[in-house]
Protein backbone atom coordinates (compact mmCIF):
# COMPACT_ATOMS: atom_id res chain seq x y z
CA MET A 1 46.98 47.06 22.77
CA LEU A 2 48.77 43.75 23.21
CA ALA A 3 46.28 42.05 20.89
CA HIS A 4 46.99 44.67 18.21
CA VAL A 5 50.74 44.07 18.48
CA HIS A 6 50.18 40.31 18.29
CA ASN A 7 47.97 40.71 15.22
CA HIS A 8 50.51 43.00 13.60
CA ILE A 9 53.37 40.55 14.16
CA THR A 10 51.38 37.58 12.87
CA SER A 11 50.26 39.53 9.79
CA GLU A 12 53.90 40.45 9.14
CA LEU A 13 54.79 36.76 9.39
CA GLN A 14 52.06 35.92 6.86
CA GLN A 15 53.31 38.63 4.49
CA ASN A 16 56.84 37.31 4.90
CA THR A 17 55.65 33.83 3.93
CA ARG A 18 53.82 35.12 0.85
CA THR A 19 56.89 37.07 -0.26
CA ASP A 20 59.12 34.01 0.18
CA ILE A 21 56.73 31.91 -1.90
CA ILE A 22 56.76 34.50 -4.69
CA PHE A 23 60.58 34.59 -4.65
CA ILE A 24 60.89 30.81 -4.79
CA LEU A 25 58.27 30.23 -7.48
CA THR A 26 59.59 33.07 -9.64
CA SER A 27 63.10 31.69 -9.48
CA ILE A 28 62.13 28.11 -10.23
CA PHE A 29 59.80 29.16 -13.04
CA LEU A 30 62.45 31.39 -14.62
CA ASN A 31 65.10 28.69 -14.27
CA LEU A 32 62.91 26.07 -15.95
CA ILE A 33 61.79 28.41 -18.75
CA THR A 34 65.39 29.43 -19.40
CA LEU A 35 66.46 25.80 -19.40
CA ALA A 36 63.84 25.06 -22.05
CA VAL A 37 64.72 28.10 -24.18
CA ASN A 38 68.47 27.54 -24.02
CA SER A 39 68.06 23.81 -24.68
CA GLY A 40 65.98 24.67 -27.73
CA MET A 41 68.69 27.01 -28.98
CA VAL A 42 71.53 24.50 -28.63
CA GLU A 43 71.48 23.26 -32.22
CA LYS A 44 71.40 26.74 -33.71
CA SER A 45 74.08 28.03 -31.32
CA ARG A 46 76.61 25.58 -32.78
CA THR A 47 76.71 27.59 -36.01
CA ASP A 48 75.24 30.96 -35.07
CA ALA A 49 77.21 33.22 -32.74
CA SER A 50 74.18 35.40 -32.01
CA SER A 51 72.27 32.40 -30.65
CA LEU A 52 75.19 31.62 -28.39
CA ALA A 53 75.20 35.24 -27.22
CA VAL A 54 71.48 34.99 -26.43
CA MET A 55 72.15 31.85 -24.39
CA PHE A 56 74.74 33.76 -22.36
CA VAL A 57 72.28 36.63 -21.84
CA PHE A 58 69.78 34.15 -20.42
CA VAL A 59 72.49 32.69 -18.19
CA SER A 60 73.25 36.21 -16.93
CA LEU A 61 69.55 36.66 -16.20
CA ILE A 62 69.47 33.37 -14.28
CA VAL A 63 72.46 34.39 -12.19
CA LEU A 64 71.08 37.86 -11.47
CA VAL A 65 67.58 36.71 -10.55
CA ASN A 66 68.86 33.84 -8.40
CA ILE A 67 71.18 36.20 -6.51
CA VAL A 68 68.22 38.54 -5.85
CA VAL A 69 66.07 35.60 -4.72
CA ILE A 70 68.77 34.24 -2.40
CA ILE A 71 69.26 37.69 -0.85
CA GLY A 72 65.47 37.98 -0.47
CA LEU A 73 65.27 34.58 1.22
CA VAL A 74 68.13 35.41 3.58
CA LYS A 75 66.41 38.67 4.52
CA GLY A 76 63.10 36.81 4.88
CA ARG A 77 64.74 34.35 7.27
CA GLN A 78 66.21 37.22 9.32
CA THR A 79 62.83 38.96 9.43
CA ARG A 80 61.03 35.77 10.48
CA ILE A 81 63.54 35.19 13.30
CA LYS A 82 63.07 38.73 14.60
CA LEU A 83 59.29 38.53 14.43
CA VAL A 84 59.12 35.12 16.10
CA ASN A 85 61.53 36.28 18.80
CA GLY A 86 59.18 39.20 19.42
CA LEU A 87 56.26 36.81 19.76
CA ILE A 88 58.22 34.58 22.12
CA ALA A 89 59.10 37.60 24.30
CA MET A 90 55.45 38.62 24.32
CA TYR A 91 54.41 35.08 25.24
CA LYS A 92 56.96 34.98 28.07
CA ASP A 93 55.67 38.28 29.41
CA GLN A 94 52.13 36.88 29.39
CA ASN A 95 53.22 33.51 30.88
CA VAL A 96 52.06 31.52 27.83
CA ALA A 97 55.48 30.78 26.33
CA LYS A 98 55.16 27.11 27.18
CA TYR A 99 52.71 26.77 24.28
CA TYR A 100 55.31 27.81 21.68
CA ASP A 101 58.21 25.46 21.08
CA GLU A 102 61.32 27.57 20.48
CA SER A 103 62.93 24.73 18.52
CA LEU A 104 60.73 25.87 15.63
CA LEU A 105 63.31 28.59 14.96
CA GLY A 106 65.82 25.90 14.01
CA ASN A 107 63.24 24.26 11.77
CA TYR A 108 62.65 27.59 10.02
CA ASN A 109 66.39 27.93 9.38
CA ILE A 110 66.55 24.45 7.88
CA ARG A 111 63.54 25.19 5.70
CA TYR A 112 65.09 28.40 4.40
CA ASN A 113 68.35 26.58 3.66
CA LEU A 114 66.40 23.97 1.69
CA PHE A 115 64.59 26.70 -0.27
CA ILE A 116 67.92 28.32 -1.11
CA LEU A 117 69.32 24.92 -2.13
CA VAL A 118 66.39 24.36 -4.52
CA VAL A 119 66.91 27.78 -6.08
CA VAL A 120 70.64 27.20 -6.50
CA CYS A 121 70.22 23.67 -7.89
CA THR A 122 67.62 24.64 -10.47
CA GLY A 123 69.75 27.64 -11.44
CA VAL A 124 72.86 25.52 -11.88
CA ILE A 125 70.96 22.93 -13.93
CA ALA A 126 69.38 25.63 -16.10
CA THR A 127 72.82 27.10 -16.68
CA ILE A 128 74.88 23.98 -17.27
CA VAL A 129 72.61 21.53 -19.13
CA PRO A 130 72.27 23.53 -22.38
CA PHE A 131 76.04 23.97 -22.59
CA ILE A 132 76.61 20.26 -21.96
CA MET A 133 74.16 19.52 -24.78
CA ARG A 134 76.03 21.92 -27.04
């Protein structure tokens, strides 16, 4: 039974990683596409109010999606910590905890913070650059 629990926890960790990757790539892709679209609309938005309105709609989309992604990454970090803590407890019970360095939890936190920073930075750039060009 212990092997099944271990397999379940490790598969949950793998699913967590895949979900985080999807969140990050979706956000970066959307931010870059929106940056390109809004930058392309800059010239027209100087004289056309509807183009300016479309730019603001895209900015709203950037903000909304990035908020969802950040919440998803924060929840992913919390889930990873709980799952890894479960593995560590299991390893301690089986006297094999010495093979897992608990400092990895701190590394995971740093990595998640860096992912969130990338999402925020690309979102800010995608939002601000077209309006600076305007």
